[in-house]
Amino acid sequence: MILVKSIYSRFFILTILLLISITQAAEARQTLWDTGKGSQIDVATGLMWQLPSSRLRLDWESAKAYCSSLSLSGKSDWRLPNIKELLSISGSLAATNSLLGWSSSTISVANPEAHRILSTRGTPTSGLISTELYAACVRDSDRVR
């Protein structure tokens, strides 16, 4: 009888530990905090993202101008993200149906192409800056990481 109680006790403890582990893993994947003001903060990077991203299709220069003139969540220091920033959020934004597009990162000075992400799968490509895509604007958040 003591052996049966010991097995049940171990099973109970292991079950509780497994549930705690699953809960912590799920919380770790949810890094976006909704500000309730049209933006979300990625707590992993400290970046604030426009949400949803622009529904306008813009060429690269227009996307940069759009982001730099954006006033959202009481902030006006928005910009077009670089490719590293865009890659950091692409998986998280998949759940929010946000449209990704241009990054501020260019291929080279002589080449009229810039990096972009065409879907929330997070695969970067490059394209002519005259192509019209969406703009996901970003800014450094005021929250301490």
C-alpha atoms as a PDB file:
ATOM      1  CA  MET A   1       0.000   0.000   0.000  1.00  0.00           C
ATOM      2  CA  ILE A   2       2.841   2.378   0.808  1.00  0.00           C
ATOM      3  CA  LEU A   3       4.394   1.629  -2.598  1.00  0.00           C
ATOM      4  CA  VAL A   4       1.131   2.560  -4.373  1.00  0.00           C
ATOM      5  CA  LYS A   5       0.897   5.867  -2.478  1.00  0.00           C
ATOM      6  CA  SER A   6       4.511   6.610  -3.355  1.00  0.00           C
ATOM      7  CA  ILE A   7       3.861   5.982  -7.065  1.00  0.00           C
ATOM      8  CA  TYR A   8       0.743   8.187  -7.013  1.00  0.00           C
ATOM      9  CA  SER A   9       2.619  10.927  -5.174  1.00  0.00           C
ATOM     10  CA  ARG A  10       5.415  10.885  -7.733  1.00  0.00           C
ATOM     11  CA  PHE A  11       2.923  10.847 -10.593  1.00  0.00           C
ATOM     12  CA  PHE A  12       1.043  13.805  -9.085  1.00  0.00           C
ATOM     13  CA  ILE A  13       4.247  15.818  -8.589  1.00  0.00           C
ATOM     14  CA  LEU A  14       5.483  15.063 -12.119  1.00  0.00           C
ATOM     15  CA  THR A  15       2.093  16.058 -13.561  1.00  0.00           C
ATOM     16  CA  ILE A  16       2.153  19.384 -11.712  1.00  0.00           C
ATOM     17  CA  LEU A  17       5.727  20.080 -12.863  1.00  0.00           C
ATOM     18  CA  LEU A  18       4.787  19.256 -16.457  1.00  0.00           C
ATOM     19  CA  LEU A  19       1.804  21.633 -16.349  1.00  0.00           C
ATOM     20  CA  ILE A  20       3.962  24.423 -14.921  1.00  0.00           C
ATOM     21  CA  SER A  21       6.550  23.841 -17.650  1.00  0.00           C
ATOM     22  CA  ILE A  22       3.925  23.941 -20.420  1.00  0.00           C
ATOM     23  CA  THR A  23       2.408  27.142 -19.008  1.00  0.00           C
ATOM     24  CA  GLN A  24       5.803  28.847 -18.796  1.00  0.00           C
ATOM     25  CA  ALA A  25       6.677  27.815 -22.359  1.00  0.00           C
ATOM     26  CA  ALA A  26       3.383  29.239 -23.661  1.00  0.00           C
ATOM     27  CA  GLU A  27       3.949  32.523 -21.815  1.00  0.00           C
ATOM     28  CA  ALA A  28       7.495  32.772 -23.200  1.00  0.00           C
ATOM     29  CA  ARG A  29       6.128  32.603 -26.766  1.00  0.00           C
ATOM     30  CA  GLN A  30       3.648  35.431 -26.117  1.00  0.00           C
ATOM     31  CA  THR A  31       6.023  38.367 -26.228  1.00  0.00           C
ATOM     32  CA  LEU A  32       3.620  40.974 -27.615  1.00  0.00           C
ATOM     33  CA  TRP A  33       1.888  43.314 -25.186  1.00  0.00           C
ATOM     34  CA  ASP A  34      -1.071  45.229 -26.617  1.00  0.00           C
ATOM     35  CA  THR A  35      -0.994  48.878 -25.551  1.00  0.00           C
ATOM     36  CA  GLY A  36      -4.665  49.332 -26.442  1.00  0.00           C
ATOM     37  CA  LYS A  37      -3.699  52.386 -28.506  1.00  0.00           C
ATOM     38  CA  GLY A  38      -3.061  50.827 -31.919  1.00  0.00           C
ATOM     39  CA  SER A  39       0.359  49.408 -31.125  1.00  0.00           C
ATOM     40  CA  GLN A  40       2.024  46.443 -29.469  1.00  0.00           C
ATOM     41  CA  ILE A  41       5.287  46.185 -27.561  1.00  0.00           C
ATOM     42  CA  ASP A  42       7.559  43.224 -28.124  1.00  0.00           C
ATOM     43  CA  VAL A  43       8.792  42.694 -24.578  1.00  0.00           C
ATOM     44  CA  ALA A  44      11.651  40.518 -25.837  1.00  0.00           C
ATOM     45  CA  THR A  45      13.188  43.331 -27.923  1.00  0.00           C
ATOM     46  CA  GLY A  46      11.682  46.465 -26.379  1.00  0.00           C
ATOM     47  CA  LEU A  47      10.309  47.571 -29.748  1.00  0.00           C
ATOM     48  CA  MET A  48       6.845  49.085 -30.207  1.00  0.00           C
ATOM     49  CA  TRP A  49       5.054  48.044 -33.414  1.00  0.00           C
ATOM     50  CA  GLN A  50       2.187  49.669 -35.257  1.00  0.00           C
ATOM     51  CA  LEU A  51      -0.761  47.305 -35.195  1.00  0.00           C
ATOM     52  CA  PRO A  52      -2.081  46.488 -37.622  1.00  0.00           C
ATOM     53  CA  SER A  53       0.641  47.406 -40.043  1.00  0.00           C
ATOM     54  CA  SER A  54      -0.181  49.860 -42.811  1.00  0.00           C
ATOM     55  CA  ARG A  55      -2.913  48.632 -45.148  1.00  0.00           C
ATOM     56  CA  LEU A  56      -1.471  50.917 -47.821  1.00  0.00           C
ATOM     57  CA  ARG A  57       0.810  49.505 -50.486  1.00  0.00           C
ATOM     58  CA  LEU A  58       3.777  51.863 -50.757  1.00  0.00           C
ATOM     59  CA  ASP A  59       7.086  51.929 -52.572  1.00  0.00           C
ATOM     60  CA  TRP A  60      10.170  51.925 -50.336  1.00  0.00           C
ATOM     61  CA  GLU A  61      10.673  55.716 -50.209  1.00  0.00           C
ATOM     62  CA  SER A  62       6.967  56.287 -49.501  1.00  0.00           C
ATOM     63  CA  ALA A  63       7.032  53.601 -46.771  1.00  0.00           C
ATOM     64  CA  LYS A  64       9.926  55.386 -45.049  1.00  0.00           C
ATOM     65  CA  ALA A  65       8.077  58.717 -45.307  1.00  0.00           C
ATOM     66  CA  TYR A  66       4.839  57.155 -44.034  1.00  0.00           C
ATOM     67  CA  CYS A  67       6.527  55.722 -40.932  1.00  0.00           C
ATOM     68  CA  SER A  68       8.479  58.883 -40.149  1.00  0.00           C
ATOM     69  CA  SER A  69       5.279  60.966 -40.311  1.00  0.00           C
ATOM     70  CA  LEU A  70       3.152  58.496 -38.307  1.00  0.00           C
ATOM     71  CA  SER A  71       1.650  59.708 -35.037  1.00  0.00           C
ATOM     72  CA  LEU A  72       0.309  56.767 -33.033  1.00  0.00           C
ATOM     73  CA  SER A  73      -0.055  55.872 -29.343  1.00  0.00           C
ATOM     74  CA  GLY A  74       0.915  59.436 -28.500  1.00  0.00           C
ATOM     75  CA  LYS A  75       4.303  58.971 -30.200  1.00  0.00           C
ATOM     76  CA  SER A  76       5.751  60.504 -33.343  1.00  0.00           C
ATOM     77  CA  ASP A  77       9.206  58.882 -33.571  1.00  0.00           C
ATOM     78  CA  TRP A  78       8.155  55.964 -35.777  1.00  0.00           C
ATOM     79  CA  ARG A  79      10.428  54.552 -38.475  1.00  0.00           C
ATOM     80  CA  LEU A  80      10.692  51.728 -40.976  1.00  0.00           C
ATOM     81  CA  PRO A  81      12.363  48.763 -39.222  1.00  0.00           C
ATOM     82  CA  ASN A  82      15.670  47.293 -40.333  1.00  0.00           C
ATOM     83  CA  ILE A  83      15.657  43.687 -41.550  1.00  0.00           C
ATOM     84  CA  LYS A  84      16.846  42.307 -38.191  1.00  0.00           C
ATOM     85  CA  GLU A  85      13.955  44.029 -36.382  1.00  0.00           C
ATOM     86  CA  LEU A  86      11.447  42.863 -38.977  1.00  0.00           C
ATOM     87  CA  LEU A  87      12.698  39.280 -38.677  1.00  0.00           C
ATOM     88  CA  SER A  88      12.427  39.426 -34.882  1.00  0.00           C
ATOM     89  CA  ILE A  89       8.700  40.123 -35.031  1.00  0.00           C
ATOM     90  CA  SER A  90       7.609  38.189 -38.128  1.00  0.00           C
ATOM     91  CA  GLY A  91       6.584  35.031 -36.238  1.00  0.00           C
ATOM     92  CA  SER A  92       4.754  36.925 -33.493  1.00  0.00           C
ATOM     93  CA  LEU A  93       2.785  39.062 -35.920  1.00  0.00           C
ATOM     94  CA  ALA A  94       1.535  35.972 -37.748  1.00  0.00           C
ATOM     95  CA  ALA A  95      -1.075  35.491 -35.035  1.00  0.00           C
ATOM     96  CA  THR A  96      -2.290  39.083 -35.397  1.00  0.00           C
ATOM     97  CA  ASN A  97      -2.737  38.931 -39.188  1.00  0.00           C
ATOM     98  CA  SER A  98      -0.430  41.871 -39.624  1.00  0.00           C
ATOM     99  CA  LEU A  99       1.038  42.486 -43.026  1.00  0.00           C
ATOM    100  CA  LEU A 100       4.791  42.748 -43.222  1.00  0.00           C
ATOM    101  CA  GLY A 101       6.720  44.377 -46.007  1.00  0.00           C
ATOM    102  CA  TRP A 102       9.609  46.779 -46.375  1.00  0.00           C
ATOM    103  CA  SER A 103      12.611  47.079 -44.113  1.00  0.00           C
ATOM    104  CA  SER A 104      14.901  50.099 -44.067  1.00  0.00           C
ATOM    105  CA  SER A 105      17.863  47.852 -44.965  1.00  0.00           C
ATOM    106  CA  THR A 106      19.144  48.300 -48.503  1.00  0.00           C
ATOM    107  CA  ILE A 107      21.158  45.798 -50.510  1.00  0.00           C
ATOM    108  CA  SER A 108      23.815  48.292 -51.578  1.00  0.00           C
ATOM    109  CA  VAL A 109      24.135  51.959 -52.447  1.00  0.00           C
ATOM    110  CA  ALA A 110      24.434  51.214 -56.160  1.00  0.00           C
ATOM    111  CA  ASN A 111      21.563  48.718 -56.227  1.00  0.00           C
ATOM    112  CA  PRO A 112      17.997  50.087 -56.014  1.00  0.00           C
ATOM    113  CA  GLU A 113      16.810  47.141 -53.881  1.00  0.00           C
ATOM    114  CA  ALA A 114      15.887  46.760 -50.214  1.00  0.00           C
ATOM    115  CA  HIS A 115      15.235  43.817 -47.905  1.00  0.00           C
ATOM    116  CA  ARG A 116      11.628  42.854 -47.285  1.00  0.00           C
ATOM    117  CA  ILE A 117       9.462  40.121 -45.825  1.00  0.00           C
ATOM    118  CA  LEU A 118       6.476  39.192 -47.942  1.00  0.00           C
ATOM    119  CA  SER A 119       4.607  37.048 -45.430  1.00  0.00           C
ATOM    120  CA  THR A 120       4.503  36.239 -41.752  1.00  0.00           C
ATOM    121  CA  ARG A 121       6.578  33.116 -42.400  1.00  0.00           C
ATOM    122  CA  GLY A 122       9.631  35.270 -41.815  1.00  0.00           C
ATOM    123  CA  THR A 123      11.471  34.642 -45.069  1.00  0.00           C
ATOM    124  CA  PRO A 124      13.463  37.715 -46.108  1.00  0.00           C
ATOM    125  CA  THR A 125      13.874  38.567 -49.765  1.00  0.00           C
ATOM    126  CA  SER A 126      14.978  41.630 -51.663  1.00  0.00           C
ATOM    127  CA  GLY A 127      13.071  43.687 -54.175  1.00  0.00           C
ATOM    128  CA  LEU A 128      13.201  46.799 -56.278  1.00  0.00           C
ATOM    129  CA  ILE A 129      12.440  49.858 -54.168  1.00  0.00           C
ATOM    130  CA  SER A 130       9.799  50.896 -56.731  1.00  0.00           C
ATOM    131  CA  THR A 131       7.684  47.829 -55.824  1.00  0.00           C
ATOM    132  CA  GLU A 132       4.635  48.617 -53.710  1.00  0.00           C
ATOM    133  CA  LEU A 133       4.451  46.702 -50.411  1.00  0.00           C
ATOM    134  CA  TYR A 134       3.124  47.249 -46.900  1.00  0.00           C
ATOM    135  CA  ALA A 135       4.941  49.065 -44.112  1.00  0.00           C
ATOM    136  CA  ALA A 136       5.105  47.800 -40.521  1.00  0.00           C
ATOM    137  CA  CYS A 137       6.312  50.840 -38.571  1.00  0.00           C
ATOM    138  CA  VAL A 138       8.374  50.515 -35.384  1.00  0.00           C
ATOM    139  CA  ARG A 139       9.865  52.646 -32.627  1.00  0.00           C
ATOM    140  CA  ASP A 140      11.931  52.035 -29.531  1.00  0.00           C
ATOM    141  CA  SER A 141       9.477  51.673 -26.659  1.00  0.00           C
ATOM    142  CA  ASP A 142       9.643  53.589 -23.417  1.00  0.00           C
ATOM    143  CA  ARG A 143       9.325  50.342 -21.452  1.00  0.00           C
ATOM    144  CA  VAL A 144      12.445  49.038 -19.802  1.00  0.00           C
ATOM    145  CA  ARG A 145      13.358  45.579 -21.029  1.00  0.00           C
END
